[in-house]
Protein backbone atom coordinates (compact mmCIF):
# COMPACT_ATOMS: atom_id res chain seq x y z
CA UNK A 1 125.96 -31.67 3.24
CA UNK A 2 126.63 -33.51 6.51
CA UNK A 3 123.71 -33.46 8.95
CA UNK A 4 124.21 -33.55 12.70
CA UNK A 5 122.90 -37.13 12.97
CA UNK A 6 125.84 -38.20 10.80
CA UNK A 7 128.38 -36.20 12.83
CA UNK A 8 127.22 -37.67 16.14
CA UNK A 9 128.08 -41.18 14.91
CA UNK A 10 131.79 -40.29 14.79
CA UNK A 11 133.95 -40.93 17.87
CA UNK A 12 134.51 -37.59 19.68
CA UNK A 13 138.32 -37.46 19.51
CA UNK A 14 139.02 -39.55 16.41
CA UNK A 15 139.58 -36.97 13.64
CA UNK A 16 142.92 -35.33 12.94
CA UNK A 17 143.33 -31.61 12.20
CA UNK A 18 142.65 -31.79 8.47
CA UNK A 19 139.62 -34.09 8.79
CA UNK A 20 138.08 -32.08 11.61
CA UNK A 21 138.57 -28.71 9.91
CA UNK A 22 136.80 -29.98 6.78
CA UNK A 23 133.86 -31.31 8.80
CA UNK A 24 133.57 -28.17 10.94
CA UNK A 25 133.81 -25.73 8.06
CA UNK A 26 131.01 -27.46 6.18
CA UNK A 27 128.78 -27.63 9.26
CA UNK A 28 129.51 -24.02 10.29
CA UNK A 29 128.59 -22.73 6.83
CA UNK A 30 125.35 -24.71 6.93
CA UNK A 31 124.44 -23.23 10.31
CA UNK A 32 125.46 -19.68 9.36
CA UNK A 33 123.20 -19.81 6.30
CA UNK A 34 120.36 -21.35 8.33
CA UNK A 35 120.47 -18.66 11.03
CA UNK A 36 120.87 -15.88 8.48
CA UNK A 37 117.59 -17.02 6.92
CA UNK A 38 115.73 -17.67 10.17
CA UNK A 39 116.96 -14.96 12.58
CA UNK A 40 116.63 -11.32 11.47
CA UNK A 41 118.92 -10.03 14.22
CA UNK A 42 121.67 -12.44 13.16
CA UNK A 43 121.21 -11.49 9.50
CA UNK A 44 121.58 -7.83 10.46
CA UNK A 45 124.78 -8.63 12.35
CA UNK A 46 126.29 -10.34 9.31
CA UNK A 47 125.32 -7.37 7.16
CA UNK A 48 126.93 -4.92 9.60
CA UNK A 49 130.10 -7.03 9.65
CA UNK A 50 130.13 -7.29 5.88
CA UNK A 51 130.18 -11.08 6.17
CA UNK A 52 128.49 -13.63 3.97
CA UNK A 53 127.51 -17.16 4.96
CA UNK A 54 130.44 -19.00 3.36
CA UNK A 55 133.75 -19.30 5.23
CA UNK A 56 136.77 -20.87 3.54
CA UNK A 57 138.40 -21.63 6.91
CA UNK A 58 136.92 -22.06 10.39
CA UNK A 59 138.76 -18.92 11.51
CA UNK A 60 136.59 -16.98 9.03
CA UNK A 61 133.27 -18.10 10.53
CA UNK A 62 131.57 -14.93 11.86
CA UNK A 63 131.15 -14.90 15.63
CA UNK A 64 128.50 -13.47 17.93
CA UNK A 65 129.83 -11.71 21.06
CA UNK A 66 128.41 -13.65 24.00
CA UNK A 67 126.94 -10.51 25.54
CA UNK A 68 124.49 -10.21 22.63
CA UNK A 69 122.54 -13.11 24.13
CA UNK A 70 121.91 -10.85 27.13
CA UNK A 71 120.90 -7.82 25.11
CA UNK A 72 118.79 -9.42 22.37
CA UNK A 73 116.40 -12.30 21.77
CA UNK A 74 118.34 -14.40 19.29
CA UNK A 75 116.08 -17.16 18.06
CA UNK A 76 115.86 -19.08 14.77
CA UNK A 77 112.55 -20.90 15.34
CA UNK A 78 108.95 -19.83 15.81
CA UNK A 79 107.89 -19.18 19.40
CA UNK A 80 105.55 -22.16 19.46
CA UNK A 81 108.51 -24.43 18.64
CA UNK A 82 110.46 -23.38 21.76
CA UNK A 83 110.28 -26.17 24.31
CA UNK A 84 112.84 -24.88 26.80
CA UNK A 85 114.54 -21.60 27.69
CA UNK A 86 117.88 -21.69 29.49
CA UNK A 87 119.47 -18.77 31.31
CA UNK A 88 123.14 -18.08 31.97
CA UNK A 89 124.81 -17.53 35.29
CA UNK A 90 125.05 -14.04 36.72
CA UNK A 91 125.20 -12.18 39.98
CA UNK A 92 122.20 -10.30 41.34
CA UNK A 93 121.23 -7.39 39.09
CA UNK A 94 123.12 -8.66 36.04
CA UNK A 95 121.34 -9.42 32.82
CA UNK A 96 121.36 -13.09 31.87
CA UNK A 97 121.60 -14.78 28.50
CA UNK A 98 118.44 -16.47 27.27
CA UNK A 99 118.93 -19.49 25.05
CA UNK A 100 115.91 -20.87 23.20
CA UNK A 101 115.77 -24.58 22.43
CA UNK A 102 113.50 -26.54 20.14
CA UNK A 103 113.23 -30.32 20.34
CA UNK A 104 115.91 -30.94 17.71
CA UNK A 105 118.58 -28.79 19.37
CA UNK A 106 117.74 -30.11 22.85
CA UNK A 107 117.99 -33.70 21.60
CA UNK A 108 121.30 -33.00 19.86
CA UNK A 109 122.68 -31.49 23.07
CA UNK A 110 121.86 -34.69 24.92
CA UNK A 111 123.35 -36.96 22.25
CA UNK A 112 126.56 -34.94 22.24
CA UNK A 113 126.87 -34.90 26.03
CA UNK A 114 126.54 -38.68 26.17
CA UNK A 115 129.17 -39.22 23.47
CA UNK A 116 131.72 -36.88 25.08
CA UNK A 117 131.33 -37.89 28.72
CA UNK A 118 131.10 -41.64 28.13
CA UNK A 119 134.66 -41.45 26.82
CA UNK A 120 135.70 -40.63 30.38
CA UNK A 121 133.19 -42.63 32.45
CA UNK A 122 132.73 -45.69 30.23
CA UNK A 123 129.70 -46.90 28.33
CA UNK A 124 126.41 -47.43 30.10
CA UNK A 125 124.58 -45.36 32.65
CA UNK A 126 125.90 -45.04 36.17
CA UNK A 127 124.37 -44.31 39.57
CA UNK A 128 124.78 -40.53 39.92
CA UNK A 129 125.39 -38.53 43.08
CA UNK A 130 124.62 -34.86 42.42
CA UNK A 131 126.52 -32.56 44.77
CA UNK A 132 123.81 -29.94 44.89
CA UNK A 133 120.26 -29.37 46.10
CA UNK A 134 117.13 -30.57 44.25
CA UNK A 135 115.71 -27.05 44.56
CA UNK A 136 117.83 -25.86 41.63
CA UNK A 137 115.88 -27.85 39.03
CA UNK A 138 112.32 -27.20 40.18
CA UNK A 139 111.33 -24.97 37.26
CA UNK A 140 111.53 -27.38 34.31
CA UNK A 141 110.66 -24.78 31.66
CA UNK A 142 113.17 -22.12 32.70
CA UNK A 143 116.56 -23.63 33.44
CA UNK A 144 119.39 -21.72 35.04
CA UNK A 145 122.90 -22.67 33.98
CA UNK A 146 123.33 -24.72 37.15
CA UNK A 147 120.03 -26.50 36.64
CA UNK A 148 120.77 -27.07 32.96
CA UNK A 149 124.10 -28.65 33.86
CA UNK A 150 122.51 -30.99 36.37
CA UNK A 151 119.72 -32.03 34.01
CA UNK A 152 122.19 -32.41 31.14
CA UNK A 153 124.46 -34.78 33.03
CA UNK A 154 121.49 -36.62 34.52
CA UNK A 155 120.85 -38.37 31.20
CA UNK A 156 123.98 -40.39 32.01
CA UNK A 157 122.42 -41.67 35.24
CA UNK A 158 120.80 -45.02 35.97
CA UNK A 159 119.75 -43.67 39.38
CA UNK A 160 120.08 -40.22 40.96
CA UNK A 161 120.58 -38.86 44.44
CA UNK A 162 121.13 -35.25 45.56
CA UNK A 163 123.90 -35.05 48.14
CA UNK A 164 122.68 -31.75 49.62
CA UNK A 165 119.37 -30.84 51.19
CA UNK A 166 117.54 -27.64 50.26
CA UNK A 167 119.32 -25.79 53.11
CA UNK A 168 122.64 -26.94 51.50
CA UNK A 169 123.53 -29.29 54.36
CA UNK A 170 124.90 -32.75 53.53
CA UNK A 171 122.35 -35.57 53.52
CA UNK A 172 124.65 -38.18 55.10
CA UNK A 173 121.93 -40.78 55.65
CA UNK A 174 120.62 -40.46 52.11
CA UNK A 175 124.12 -40.73 50.63
CA UNK A 176 124.99 -43.81 52.69
CA UNK A 177 121.75 -45.47 51.66
CA UNK A 178 122.49 -44.66 48.01
CA UNK A 179 126.04 -46.04 48.25
CA UNK A 180 124.81 -49.21 49.94
CA UNK A 181 122.21 -49.68 47.20
CA UNK A 182 124.94 -49.46 44.55
CA UNK A 183 127.75 -51.15 46.48
CA UNK A 184 130.61 -52.25 44.23
CA UNK A 185 129.50 -50.12 41.29
CA UNK A 186 131.26 -47.15 39.74
CA UNK A 187 129.51 -43.95 40.85
CA UNK A 188 129.27 -40.78 38.75
CA UNK A 189 129.49 -37.60 40.82
CA UNK A 190 128.62 -34.24 39.35
CA UNK A 191 128.61 -30.70 40.68
CA UNK A 192 129.87 -27.15 40.27
CA UNK A 193 133.36 -26.55 41.55
CA UNK A 194 132.63 -23.87 44.14
CA UNK A 195 129.51 -25.68 45.40
CA UNK A 196 131.53 -28.86 45.90
CA UNK A 197 134.23 -26.98 47.77
CA UNK A 198 131.98 -24.79 49.91
CA UNK A 199 129.13 -27.13 50.76
CA UNK A 200 130.62 -30.61 50.46
CA UNK A 201 134.37 -30.60 51.07
CA UNK A 202 134.37 -27.99 53.86
CA UNK A 203 131.45 -29.67 55.62
CA UNK A 204 133.08 -33.10 55.37
CA UNK A 205 136.17 -31.61 57.02
CA UNK A 206 134.10 -30.47 59.99
CA UNK A 207 132.41 -33.83 60.50
CA UNK A 208 133.86 -37.06 61.83
CA UNK A 209 131.54 -38.94 59.46
CA UNK A 210 133.58 -40.24 56.52
CA UNK A 211 132.03 -41.09 53.18
CA UNK A 212 133.74 -43.70 50.99
CA UNK A 213 133.54 -42.43 47.41
CA UNK A 214 136.62 -44.29 46.17
CA UNK A 215 134.50 -45.85 43.39
CA UNK A 216 133.49 -42.39 42.22
CA UNK A 217 134.30 -40.45 39.05
CA UNK A 218 133.78 -36.74 39.71
CA UNK A 219 133.00 -34.30 36.89
CA UNK A 220 132.89 -30.65 37.90
CA UNK A 221 133.01 -27.22 36.29
CA UNK A 222 132.76 -23.49 36.94
CA UNK A 223 133.68 -21.42 39.96
CA UNK A 224 137.48 -21.43 39.78
CA UNK A 225 137.69 -17.68 40.33
CA UNK A 226 136.22 -18.04 43.81
CA UNK A 227 138.54 -20.91 44.65
CA UNK A 228 141.59 -18.98 43.48
CA UNK A 229 140.52 -16.22 45.85
CA UNK A 230 140.94 -18.88 48.55
CA UNK A 231 144.29 -19.90 47.05
CA UNK A 232 142.98 -23.30 45.91
CA UNK A 233 144.53 -24.62 42.70
CA UNK A 234 143.21 -27.61 40.69
CA UNK A 235 145.75 -30.12 42.01
CA UNK A 236 145.03 -29.14 45.60
CA UNK A 237 141.28 -29.38 44.94
CA UNK A 238 141.77 -32.98 43.78
CA UNK A 239 144.12 -33.89 46.62
CA UNK A 240 141.85 -32.50 49.33
CA UNK A 241 138.81 -34.36 48.02
CA UNK A 242 140.77 -37.60 47.93
CA UNK A 243 141.74 -37.06 51.57
CA UNK A 244 138.19 -36.61 52.86
CA UNK A 245 136.23 -39.11 50.74
CA UNK A 246 138.64 -41.16 48.63
CA UNK A 247 137.79 -39.79 45.16
CA UNK A 248 140.79 -40.28 42.87
CA UNK A 249 139.21 -39.79 39.43
CA UNK A 250 138.39 -36.08 39.00
CA UNK A 251 137.74 -34.25 35.72
CA UNK A 252 137.11 -30.53 35.32
CA UNK A 253 135.23 -29.29 32.27
CA UNK A 254 134.71 -26.00 30.46
CA UNK A 255 131.31 -25.13 29.06
CA UNK A 256 128.61 -22.49 28.94
CA UNK A 257 124.84 -22.35 28.71
CA UNK A 258 125.17 -20.58 25.35
CA UNK A 259 126.61 -23.82 23.92
CA UNK A 260 125.19 -26.53 26.15
CA UNK A 261 126.18 -30.05 25.13
CA UNK A 262 129.56 -29.15 23.61
CA UNK A 263 131.60 -29.34 26.78
CA UNK A 264 135.40 -29.45 26.90
CA UNK A 265 136.49 -32.23 29.23
CA UNK A 266 139.75 -32.33 31.18
CA UNK A 267 141.87 -35.36 30.34
CA UNK A 268 144.20 -37.35 32.59
CA UNK A 269 147.01 -34.92 31.75
CA UNK A 270 145.04 -31.93 33.04
CA UNK A 271 144.23 -30.49 29.59
CA UNK A 272 140.82 -29.36 28.32
CA UNK A 273 139.95 -31.01 24.99
CA UNK A 274 137.82 -29.94 22.03
CA UNK A 275 135.86 -32.85 20.58
CA UNK A 276 134.80 -33.16 16.94
CA UNK A 277 131.55 -31.43 17.90
CA UNK A 278 133.28 -28.19 18.80
CA UNK A 279 136.44 -26.14 18.46
CA UNK A 280 138.34 -23.35 20.16
CA UNK A 281 140.06 -20.38 18.56
CA UNK A 282 142.02 -17.73 20.51
CA UNK A 283 142.04 -14.13 19.29
CA UNK A 284 144.02 -11.00 20.12
CA UNK A 285 141.86 -8.36 21.80
CA UNK A 286 143.38 -5.46 19.87
CA UNK A 287 142.25 -6.61 16.41
CA UNK A 288 140.63 -10.06 16.81
CA UNK A 289 143.42 -11.67 14.78
CA UNK A 290 144.08 -15.34 15.48
CA UNK A 291 146.67 -16.13 18.16
CA UNK A 292 149.54 -18.55 17.75
CA UNK A 293 149.64 -21.81 19.70
CA UNK A 294 150.86 -20.97 23.21
CA UNK A 295 149.74 -17.33 23.01
CA UNK A 296 147.05 -16.11 25.39
CA UNK A 297 143.94 -14.64 23.79
CA UNK A 298 140.16 -14.26 23.86
CA UNK A 299 138.34 -17.56 23.54
CA UNK A 300 136.04 -18.15 20.57
CA UNK A 301 134.03 -21.38 20.67
CA UNK A 302 132.42 -23.21 17.76
CA UNK A 303 129.63 -25.77 18.12
CA UNK A 304 127.99 -28.05 15.59
CA UNK A 305 124.77 -28.26 17.64
CA UNK A 306 122.68 -25.04 17.75
CA UNK A 307 119.87 -24.95 15.20
CA UNK A 308 117.21 -23.08 17.21
CA UNK A 309 119.43 -20.06 17.97
CA UNK A 310 122.58 -18.59 16.33
CA UNK A 311 125.06 -19.89 18.89
CA UNK A 312 127.33 -21.95 16.65
CA UNK A 313 130.19 -19.39 16.81
CA UNK A 314 130.56 -17.28 19.95
CA UNK A 315 133.26 -14.91 21.17
CA UNK A 316 133.34 -15.43 24.95
CA UNK A 317 134.60 -13.14 27.69
CA UNK A 318 137.15 -15.75 28.77
CA UNK A 319 140.88 -15.86 28.05
CA UNK A 320 142.90 -18.95 27.37
CA UNK A 321 145.85 -20.58 25.66
CA UNK A 322 145.77 -23.34 23.05
CA UNK A 323 148.52 -25.72 24.13
CA UNK A 324 148.61 -27.99 21.11
CA UNK A 325 146.65 -30.09 18.64
CA UNK A 326 146.58 -33.84 17.97
CA UNK A 327 149.57 -34.49 20.25
CA UNK A 328 148.29 -34.59 23.83
CA UNK A 329 149.94 -37.46 25.76
CA UNK A 330 146.45 -38.77 26.63
CA UNK A 331 146.07 -39.84 22.99
CA UNK A 332 142.93 -37.86 22.15
CA UNK A 333 143.03 -35.96 18.86
CA UNK A 334 141.98 -32.33 18.52
CA UNK A 335 143.01 -29.08 20.20
CA UNK A 336 143.79 -29.01 23.89
CA UNK A 337 143.95 -25.84 25.93
CA UNK A 338 143.62 -24.12 29.29
CA UNK A 339 141.50 -21.23 30.55
CA UNK A 340 143.52 -18.44 32.17
CA UNK A 341 140.76 -16.11 33.36
CA UNK A 342 138.22 -13.48 32.38
CA UNK A 343 138.78 -10.55 30.06
CA UNK A 344 139.53 -7.40 32.03
CA UNK A 345 136.38 -5.34 32.71
CA UNK A 346 134.08 -8.18 31.62
CA UNK A 347 131.12 -8.90 33.86
CA UNK A 348 131.95 -11.43 36.55
CA UNK A 349 129.85 -14.53 36.09
CA UNK A 350 128.62 -16.58 38.98
CA UNK A 351 129.76 -20.16 39.34
CA UNK A 352 127.18 -21.36 36.89
CA UNK A 353 124.66 -19.41 38.90
CA UNK A 354 126.09 -17.37 41.67
CA UNK A 355 125.06 -18.93 44.96
CA UNK A 356 124.39 -16.10 47.37
CA UNK A 357 125.10 -17.02 50.96
CA UNK A 358 122.00 -16.17 52.93
């Protein structure tokens, strides 16, 4: 039986289809059995589905609809073992998912994040400019999705600076001081897509002050629905940012609080990639059968990480298309895909916490 500490030693995009499927199937079966034994609600779900804890193929791994994390407390550890509770995004009045982490799962999330992201930013920690306000991470025991994202990426930082003040205005002086301190170094920038657009890009456009972030690598995620409402597509987003502050290296990512750590990074070709720590399956809404490559369907995500809650196989409320496997021009092995939107009539999530304009 392969433990997670063995999996995390493997390079994130180094296994071909056959190798990865064997690894994932073994790990998924281990986690399914573990959660069946430790979480009564999950065991009841398997019983209702008529599923056992052994899948011959990864497509047979039973999945939990993501909304169940909003309706139930799904936890596979004792309450005194919970060190952190994370909550999903959601607009005012919506229920949020609650994800319970013990020390092992939290540590594995961090290890995975470092392995995946360092393949895009390089080895070693970087000075990090967070395009958000420090107010979002004040409650260290109850993380929102936005706060969890910031804290998750912060483990990659040698030094940190928030680009926005608590009133969401740009801290020009603080940023310039930070850039001067790290002059000549590569800078990691992180933020949520809509926040970057609304509170950074738009404000930079209004101001004659120009920031030089040409040494920056920007990683961003979430919030595309709001940008599409403003007719902003990914390529325009990148081009506009380059115009106002010189950023030329920009990577989107797909992820969710229900599977923190296993993010899907956008490569240089504009494709989202599944690492060896995770996988994506698309399913037809009418019968949950598996879609063909190139066919749009509901996104199911698999993760090797979760041990403190049954989140290793989740059916999301997102739609997407698997574009290929092991043959992306960027050279990374594994499936690559794109997200096309939300399932019709699904709750509208916020951009990794909806930011309500006051």
